[in-house]
Amino acid sequence: MSEVTMEAAAPAAPASTPAPSGYGLGIGPDGTYTPAAQVVAFICGLWTMVLFFPFLILGALLYTNAEPAFESDPRRARKMMLWSWLSVSLLPLLAAAIVGGVVFAINA
């Protein structure tokens, strides 16, 4: 009687293929947001809208221009996408820190 191993009885699961490099954080291969990135973008957009409205406008304009650019110039589109993310996430925090620092310096 021959012994059947688990590997012989069931084929190995296919290895998952990693996402191709070169896409921005949260951007799928077709240039659209992944589901998790949609949630993060919504939360960052709310944060920016409430506190720093001009950054929201900047982020929306950059993203709107980046979307069609993925087909013709992916490198430029990635840069615009990066700046759109920064304008709704990091730049408002930086602006809040600067405003807080100025207020602290005036009151000190």
Protein backbone atom coordinates (compact mmCIF):
# COMPACT_ATOMS: atom_id res chain seq x y z
CA MET A 1 0.00 0.00 0.00
CA SER A 2 1.48 3.33 -1.00
CA GLU A 3 1.44 6.24 1.37
CA VAL A 4 -0.27 9.40 0.11
CA THR A 5 1.00 12.66 1.50
CA MET A 6 -1.07 15.76 1.95
CA GLU A 7 0.96 17.59 -0.71
CA ALA A 8 0.23 14.89 -3.27
CA ALA A 9 -3.49 14.75 -2.45
CA ALA A 10 -4.12 18.49 -2.56
CA PRO A 11 -2.25 20.77 -4.92
CA ALA A 12 -0.42 23.67 -3.38
CA ALA A 13 -2.34 26.90 -3.25
CA PRO A 14 -1.21 29.35 -5.88
CA ALA A 15 1.13 31.97 -4.55
CA SER A 16 -0.49 35.35 -4.26
CA THR A 17 0.96 37.83 -6.66
CA PRO A 18 2.03 41.09 -5.09
CA ALA A 19 0.69 44.32 -6.48
CA PRO A 20 2.88 45.74 -9.19
CA SER A 21 5.25 48.37 -7.95
CA GLY A 22 4.95 51.93 -9.14
CA TYR A 23 1.37 52.58 -8.08
CA GLY A 24 0.70 55.12 -5.36
CA LEU A 25 -0.36 54.17 -1.88
CA GLY A 26 -3.97 52.98 -2.02
CA ILE A 27 -4.11 53.07 -5.82
CA GLY A 28 -5.02 49.94 -7.76
CA PRO A 29 -3.54 48.93 -11.12
CA ASP A 30 -6.34 50.70 -12.97
CA GLY A 31 -5.63 54.02 -11.22
CA THR A 32 -8.64 53.98 -8.88
CA TYR A 33 -8.71 53.89 -5.09
CA THR A 34 -8.75 50.54 -3.32
CA PRO A 35 -11.67 50.08 -0.88
CA ALA A 36 -9.48 50.75 2.17
CA ALA A 37 -8.05 53.87 0.53
CA GLN A 38 -11.59 55.12 -0.16
CA VAL A 39 -12.35 55.02 3.57
CA VAL A 40 -9.09 56.76 4.48
CA ALA A 41 -9.63 59.39 1.76
CA PHE A 42 -13.16 60.05 3.06
CA ILE A 43 -11.94 60.52 6.63
CA CYS A 44 -9.04 62.74 5.55
CA GLY A 45 -11.40 64.74 3.34
CA LEU A 46 -13.77 65.34 6.25
CA TRP A 47 -10.88 66.40 8.49
CA THR A 48 -9.63 68.82 5.86
CA MET A 49 -13.09 70.15 5.00
CA VAL A 50 -13.85 70.99 8.60
CA LEU A 51 -10.54 72.62 9.47
CA PHE A 52 -8.76 73.73 6.30
CA PHE A 53 -11.12 74.18 3.38
CA PRO A 54 -8.51 75.51 0.87
CA PHE A 55 -6.50 72.28 1.20
CA LEU A 56 -9.66 70.33 0.34
CA ILE A 57 -10.06 72.34 -2.87
CA LEU A 58 -6.38 71.79 -3.71
CA GLY A 59 -6.64 68.04 -3.09
CA ALA A 60 -9.81 67.75 -5.19
CA LEU A 61 -8.25 69.63 -8.10
CA LEU A 62 -5.07 67.56 -8.00
CA TYR A 63 -6.97 64.28 -7.86
CA THR A 64 -9.33 65.32 -10.64
CA ASN A 65 -6.38 66.13 -12.88
CA ALA A 66 -4.45 63.00 -11.87
CA GLU A 67 -7.20 60.52 -12.76
CA PRO A 68 -7.09 60.99 -16.55
CA ALA A 69 -3.29 61.39 -16.51
CA PHE A 70 -2.76 57.74 -15.47
CA GLU A 71 -3.23 56.61 -19.08
CA SER A 72 -0.84 59.08 -20.73
CA ASP A 73 1.70 59.98 -18.01
CA PRO A 74 1.61 57.65 -14.98
CA ARG A 75 4.63 59.26 -13.33
CA ARG A 76 3.05 62.73 -13.36
CA ALA A 77 -0.27 61.24 -12.22
CA ARG A 78 1.45 59.55 -9.24
CA LYS A 79 3.01 62.87 -8.23
CA MET A 80 -0.34 64.64 -8.42
CA MET A 81 -1.95 61.80 -6.46
CA LEU A 82 0.75 62.09 -3.79
CA TRP A 83 0.19 65.84 -3.48
CA SER A 84 -3.58 65.35 -3.34
CA TRP A 85 -3.11 62.92 -0.43
CA LEU A 86 -0.73 65.32 1.30
CA SER A 87 -3.13 68.23 0.87
CA VAL A 88 -5.89 66.38 2.73
CA SER A 89 -3.77 64.62 5.35
CA LEU A 90 -0.35 66.05 6.22
CA LEU A 91 -0.62 69.70 5.14
CA PRO A 92 -3.63 70.43 7.40
CA LEU A 93 -1.73 68.94 10.35
CA LEU A 94 1.30 71.04 9.49
CA ALA A 95 -0.85 74.16 9.18
CA ALA A 96 -2.52 73.39 12.52
CA ALA A 97 0.91 73.01 14.14
CA ILE A 98 2.08 76.33 12.69
CA VAL A 99 -1.07 78.14 13.81
CA GLY A 100 -0.78 76.55 17.26
CA GLY A 101 2.89 77.54 17.47
CA VAL A 102 2.12 81.15 16.53
CA VAL A 103 -0.71 81.33 19.08
CA PHE A 104 1.55 79.81 21.73
CA ALA A 105 4.36 82.26 20.89
CA ILE A 106 1.99 85.23 21.09
CA ASN A 107 0.56 84.13 24.43
CA ALA A 108 3.96 83.24 25.96
